[in-house]
C-alpha atoms as a PDB file:
ATOM      1  CA  UNK A   1       0.213   0.083   0.155  1.00  0.00           C
ATOM      2  CA  UNK A   2       1.221   3.485  -0.717  1.00  0.00           C
ATOM      3  CA  UNK A   3      -0.268   7.098  -0.078  1.00  0.00           C
ATOM      4  CA  UNK A   4      -0.601   9.221  -3.082  1.00  0.00           C
ATOM      5  CA  UNK A   5      -0.395  13.102  -3.100  1.00  0.00           C
ATOM      6  CA  UNK A   6      -3.718  13.610  -1.869  1.00  0.00           C
ATOM      7  CA  UNK A   7      -3.490  11.277   0.955  1.00  0.00           C
ATOM      8  CA  UNK A   8      -5.473   8.436  -0.296  1.00  0.00           C
ATOM      9  CA  UNK A   9      -4.374   5.041   0.230  1.00  0.00           C
ATOM     10  CA  UNK A  10      -3.754   2.750  -2.976  1.00  0.00           C
ATOM     11  CA  UNK A  11      -2.322  -0.604  -3.626  1.00  0.00           C
ATOM     12  CA  UNK A  12       1.093  -0.780  -5.073  1.00  0.00           C
ATOM     13  CA  UNK A  13       1.398  -2.009  -8.646  1.00  0.00           C
ATOM     14  CA  UNK A  14       5.139  -2.242  -8.470  1.00  0.00           C
ATOM     15  CA  UNK A  15       6.647  -5.716  -9.745  1.00  0.00           C
ATOM     16  CA  UNK A  16       9.073  -7.133  -7.544  1.00  0.00           C
ATOM     17  CA  UNK A  17      11.922  -6.378 -10.059  1.00  0.00           C
ATOM     18  CA  UNK A  18      10.845  -2.714  -9.864  1.00  0.00           C
ATOM     19  CA  UNK A  19      11.049  -2.719  -6.096  1.00  0.00           C
ATOM     20  CA  UNK A  20      14.772  -4.525  -6.159  1.00  0.00           C
ATOM     21  CA  UNK A  21      15.850  -1.851  -8.350  1.00  0.00           C
ATOM     22  CA  UNK A  22      14.490   0.947  -6.063  1.00  0.00           C
ATOM     23  CA  UNK A  23      15.939  -0.646  -3.018  1.00  0.00           C
ATOM     24  CA  UNK A  24      19.489  -1.347  -4.861  1.00  0.00           C
ATOM     25  CA  UNK A  25      19.513   2.390  -5.088  1.00  0.00           C
ATOM     26  CA  UNK A  26      20.273   2.456  -1.322  1.00  0.00           C
ATOM     27  CA  UNK A  27      23.883   2.029  -0.917  1.00  0.00           C
ATOM     28  CA  UNK A  28      24.902  -1.502   0.321  1.00  0.00           C
ATOM     29  CA  UNK A  29      27.860  -0.186   2.912  1.00  0.00           C
ATOM     30  CA  UNK A  30      25.185   2.342   4.028  1.00  0.00           C
ATOM     31  CA  UNK A  31      22.380  -0.150   4.885  1.00  0.00           C
ATOM     32  CA  UNK A  32      25.117  -2.206   6.490  1.00  0.00           C
ATOM     33  CA  UNK A  33      25.729   0.464   8.932  1.00  0.00           C
ATOM     34  CA  UNK A  34      22.030   0.371   9.943  1.00  0.00           C
ATOM     35  CA  UNK A  35      21.477  -1.823  12.869  1.00  0.00           C
ATOM     36  CA  UNK A  36      17.631  -2.753  12.502  1.00  0.00           C
ATOM     37  CA  UNK A  37      15.606  -2.798   9.626  1.00  0.00           C
ATOM     38  CA  UNK A  38      11.591  -3.180  10.600  1.00  0.00           C
ATOM     39  CA  UNK A  39       8.556  -2.752   8.270  1.00  0.00           C
ATOM     40  CA  UNK A  40       5.834  -1.612  10.127  1.00  0.00           C
ATOM     41  CA  UNK A  41       2.340  -2.444   8.556  1.00  0.00           C
ATOM     42  CA  UNK A  42      -0.215   0.259   8.386  1.00  0.00           C
ATOM     43  CA  UNK A  43      -2.930   0.076  11.215  1.00  0.00           C
ATOM     44  CA  UNK A  44      -6.487  -0.584  10.451  1.00  0.00           C
ATOM     45  CA  UNK A  45      -8.868   1.984  11.473  1.00  0.00           C
ATOM     46  CA  UNK A  46      -9.873   0.010  14.165  1.00  0.00           C
ATOM     47  CA  UNK A  47      -6.595  -0.566  15.462  1.00  0.00           C
ATOM     48  CA  UNK A  48      -5.916   3.077  15.501  1.00  0.00           C
ATOM     49  CA  UNK A  49      -9.249   3.730  17.444  1.00  0.00           C
ATOM     50  CA  UNK A  50      -9.227   1.174  19.959  1.00  0.00           C
ATOM     51  CA  UNK A  51      -8.677   2.152  23.787  1.00  0.00           C
ATOM     52  CA  UNK A  52      -5.672  -0.224  24.107  1.00  0.00           C
ATOM     53  CA  UNK A  53      -2.646   1.443  24.742  1.00  0.00           C
ATOM     54  CA  UNK A  54       1.087   0.311  24.762  1.00  0.00           C
ATOM     55  CA  UNK A  55       4.149   0.966  27.232  1.00  0.00           C
ATOM     56  CA  UNK A  56       4.514   4.382  27.951  1.00  0.00           C
ATOM     57  CA  UNK A  57       7.787   6.452  26.998  1.00  0.00           C
ATOM     58  CA  UNK A  58       8.631   6.755  30.579  1.00  0.00           C
ATOM     59  CA  UNK A  59       8.571   3.045  31.192  1.00  0.00           C
ATOM     60  CA  UNK A  60      10.538   2.397  27.919  1.00  0.00           C
ATOM     61  CA  UNK A  61      13.035   5.289  29.260  1.00  0.00           C
ATOM     62  CA  UNK A  62      13.464   3.399  32.462  1.00  0.00           C
ATOM     63  CA  UNK A  63      14.078   0.121  31.097  1.00  0.00           C
ATOM     64  CA  UNK A  64      16.579   1.780  28.470  1.00  0.00           C
ATOM     65  CA  UNK A  65      18.449   3.143  31.557  1.00  0.00           C
ATOM     66  CA  UNK A  66      18.714  -0.098  33.454  1.00  0.00           C
ATOM     67  CA  UNK A  67      19.838  -1.798  30.459  1.00  0.00           C
ATOM     68  CA  UNK A  68      22.601   0.877  29.947  1.00  0.00           C
ATOM     69  CA  UNK A  69      23.628   0.317  33.722  1.00  0.00           C
ATOM     70  CA  UNK A  70      23.867  -3.440  33.005  1.00  0.00           C
ATOM     71  CA  UNK A  71      26.367  -3.051  30.156  1.00  0.00           C
ATOM     72  CA  UNK A  72      28.026  -0.370  31.670  1.00  0.00           C
ATOM     73  CA  UNK A  73      28.701  -2.463  34.859  1.00  0.00           C
ATOM     74  CA  UNK A  74      29.444  -5.691  32.753  1.00  0.00           C
ATOM     75  CA  UNK A  75      32.021  -4.336  30.470  1.00  0.00           C
ATOM     76  CA  UNK A  76      32.454  -0.448  30.952  1.00  0.00           C
ATOM     77  CA  UNK A  77      30.773   0.567  27.708  1.00  0.00           C
ATOM     78  CA  UNK A  78      27.594   0.011  25.694  1.00  0.00           C
ATOM     79  CA  UNK A  79      26.907  -3.213  23.933  1.00  0.00           C
ATOM     80  CA  UNK A  80      27.355  -0.985  20.309  1.00  0.00           C
ATOM     81  CA  UNK A  81      30.831  -0.563  21.262  1.00  0.00           C
ATOM     82  CA  UNK A  82      31.928  -4.395  22.277  1.00  0.00           C
ATOM     83  CA  UNK A  83      35.038  -5.700  20.420  1.00  0.00           C
ATOM     84  CA  UNK A  84      34.738  -9.280  18.640  1.00  0.00           C
ATOM     85  CA  UNK A  85      36.285 -10.826  21.766  1.00  0.00           C
ATOM     86  CA  UNK A  86      33.585  -9.265  23.962  1.00  0.00           C
ATOM     87  CA  UNK A  87      30.835 -10.427  21.546  1.00  0.00           C
ATOM     88  CA  UNK A  88      32.200 -14.052  21.543  1.00  0.00           C
ATOM     89  CA  UNK A  89      32.577 -13.674  25.664  1.00  0.00           C
ATOM     90  CA  UNK A  90      28.973 -11.968  26.393  1.00  0.00           C
ATOM     91  CA  UNK A  91      27.165 -13.553  23.633  1.00  0.00           C
ATOM     92  CA  UNK A  92      27.085 -17.197  24.136  1.00  0.00           C
ATOM     93  CA  UNK A  93      24.370 -19.412  22.401  1.00  0.00           C
ATOM     94  CA  UNK A  94      22.942 -22.774  22.412  1.00  0.00           C
ATOM     95  CA  UNK A  95      23.297 -25.111  19.461  1.00  0.00           C
ATOM     96  CA  UNK A  96      19.719 -24.282  18.345  1.00  0.00           C
ATOM     97  CA  UNK A  97      20.596 -20.513  17.953  1.00  0.00           C
ATOM     98  CA  UNK A  98      23.673 -21.004  16.337  1.00  0.00           C
ATOM     99  CA  UNK A  99      22.082 -23.168  13.794  1.00  0.00           C
ATOM    100  CA  UNK A 100      19.210 -20.488  13.484  1.00  0.00           C
ATOM    101  CA  UNK A 101      22.054 -17.733  12.784  1.00  0.00           C
ATOM    102  CA  UNK A 102      23.980 -20.176  10.219  1.00  0.00           C
ATOM    103  CA  UNK A 103      20.911 -20.250   8.417  1.00  0.00           C
ATOM    104  CA  UNK A 104      20.167 -16.247   8.582  1.00  0.00           C
ATOM    105  CA  UNK A 105      23.780 -15.844   7.673  1.00  0.00           C
ATOM    106  CA  UNK A 106      23.379 -18.247   4.417  1.00  0.00           C
ATOM    107  CA  UNK A 107      19.868 -16.810   3.567  1.00  0.00           C
ATOM    108  CA  UNK A 108      20.804 -13.167   3.795  1.00  0.00           C
ATOM    109  CA  UNK A 109      24.403 -13.409   2.895  1.00  0.00           C
ATOM    110  CA  UNK A 110      25.462 -11.702   6.021  1.00  0.00           C
ATOM    111  CA  UNK A 111      28.849 -10.100   6.470  1.00  0.00           C
ATOM    112  CA  UNK A 112      31.009 -10.404   9.546  1.00  0.00           C
ATOM    113  CA  UNK A 113      29.761  -6.577  10.301  1.00  0.00           C
ATOM    114  CA  UNK A 114      26.272  -7.818   9.751  1.00  0.00           C
ATOM    115  CA  UNK A 115      26.979 -11.059  12.410  1.00  0.00           C
ATOM    116  CA  UNK A 116      28.349  -8.840  14.685  1.00  0.00           C
ATOM    117  CA  UNK A 117      25.513  -6.310  14.617  1.00  0.00           C
ATOM    118  CA  UNK A 118      23.019  -9.377  15.094  1.00  0.00           C
ATOM    119  CA  UNK A 119      24.824 -10.202  18.366  1.00  0.00           C
ATOM    120  CA  UNK A 120      25.141  -6.627  19.640  1.00  0.00           C
ATOM    121  CA  UNK A 121      21.554  -6.000  18.923  1.00  0.00           C
ATOM    122  CA  UNK A 122      20.746  -9.540  20.543  1.00  0.00           C
ATOM    123  CA  UNK A 123      22.691  -8.421  23.627  1.00  0.00           C
ATOM    124  CA  UNK A 124      20.825  -5.252  23.804  1.00  0.00           C
ATOM    125  CA  UNK A 125      17.449  -6.964  23.591  1.00  0.00           C
ATOM    126  CA  UNK A 126      18.363  -9.425  26.268  1.00  0.00           C
ATOM    127  CA  UNK A 127      19.637  -6.396  28.562  1.00  0.00           C
ATOM    128  CA  UNK A 128      16.009  -4.725  27.639  1.00  0.00           C
ATOM    129  CA  UNK A 129      13.920  -7.780  28.998  1.00  0.00           C
ATOM    130  CA  UNK A 130      13.029  -7.576  32.787  1.00  0.00           C
ATOM    131  CA  UNK A 131      12.884 -11.003  34.431  1.00  0.00           C
END
């Protein structure tokens, strides 16, 4: 779906090759430096108008502050600054997780930088989860 110049929602008619050509215009090395790529679908009118609320910004901020404190206590720096040796030390995986990651590396043709980034983001998500 896309929005036209008047704000109306229309269905995208681009072909897969057209979409690939468009995405190829974005530099690979630039994309390689973006840690998370997430497609966020448009909400339906029912979802937009529902009374359900998400986590407050204050609550998220508290979790972020606690996660950063964990990281600083663990190694004196944030996860994004981990060196390769620290990644191996602080991002231990079980065999099932390793198999899944191997499959992702093959399927998405990940570089070493991409692999390291997955470990750093995963460690950060783990630090954000409240047990």
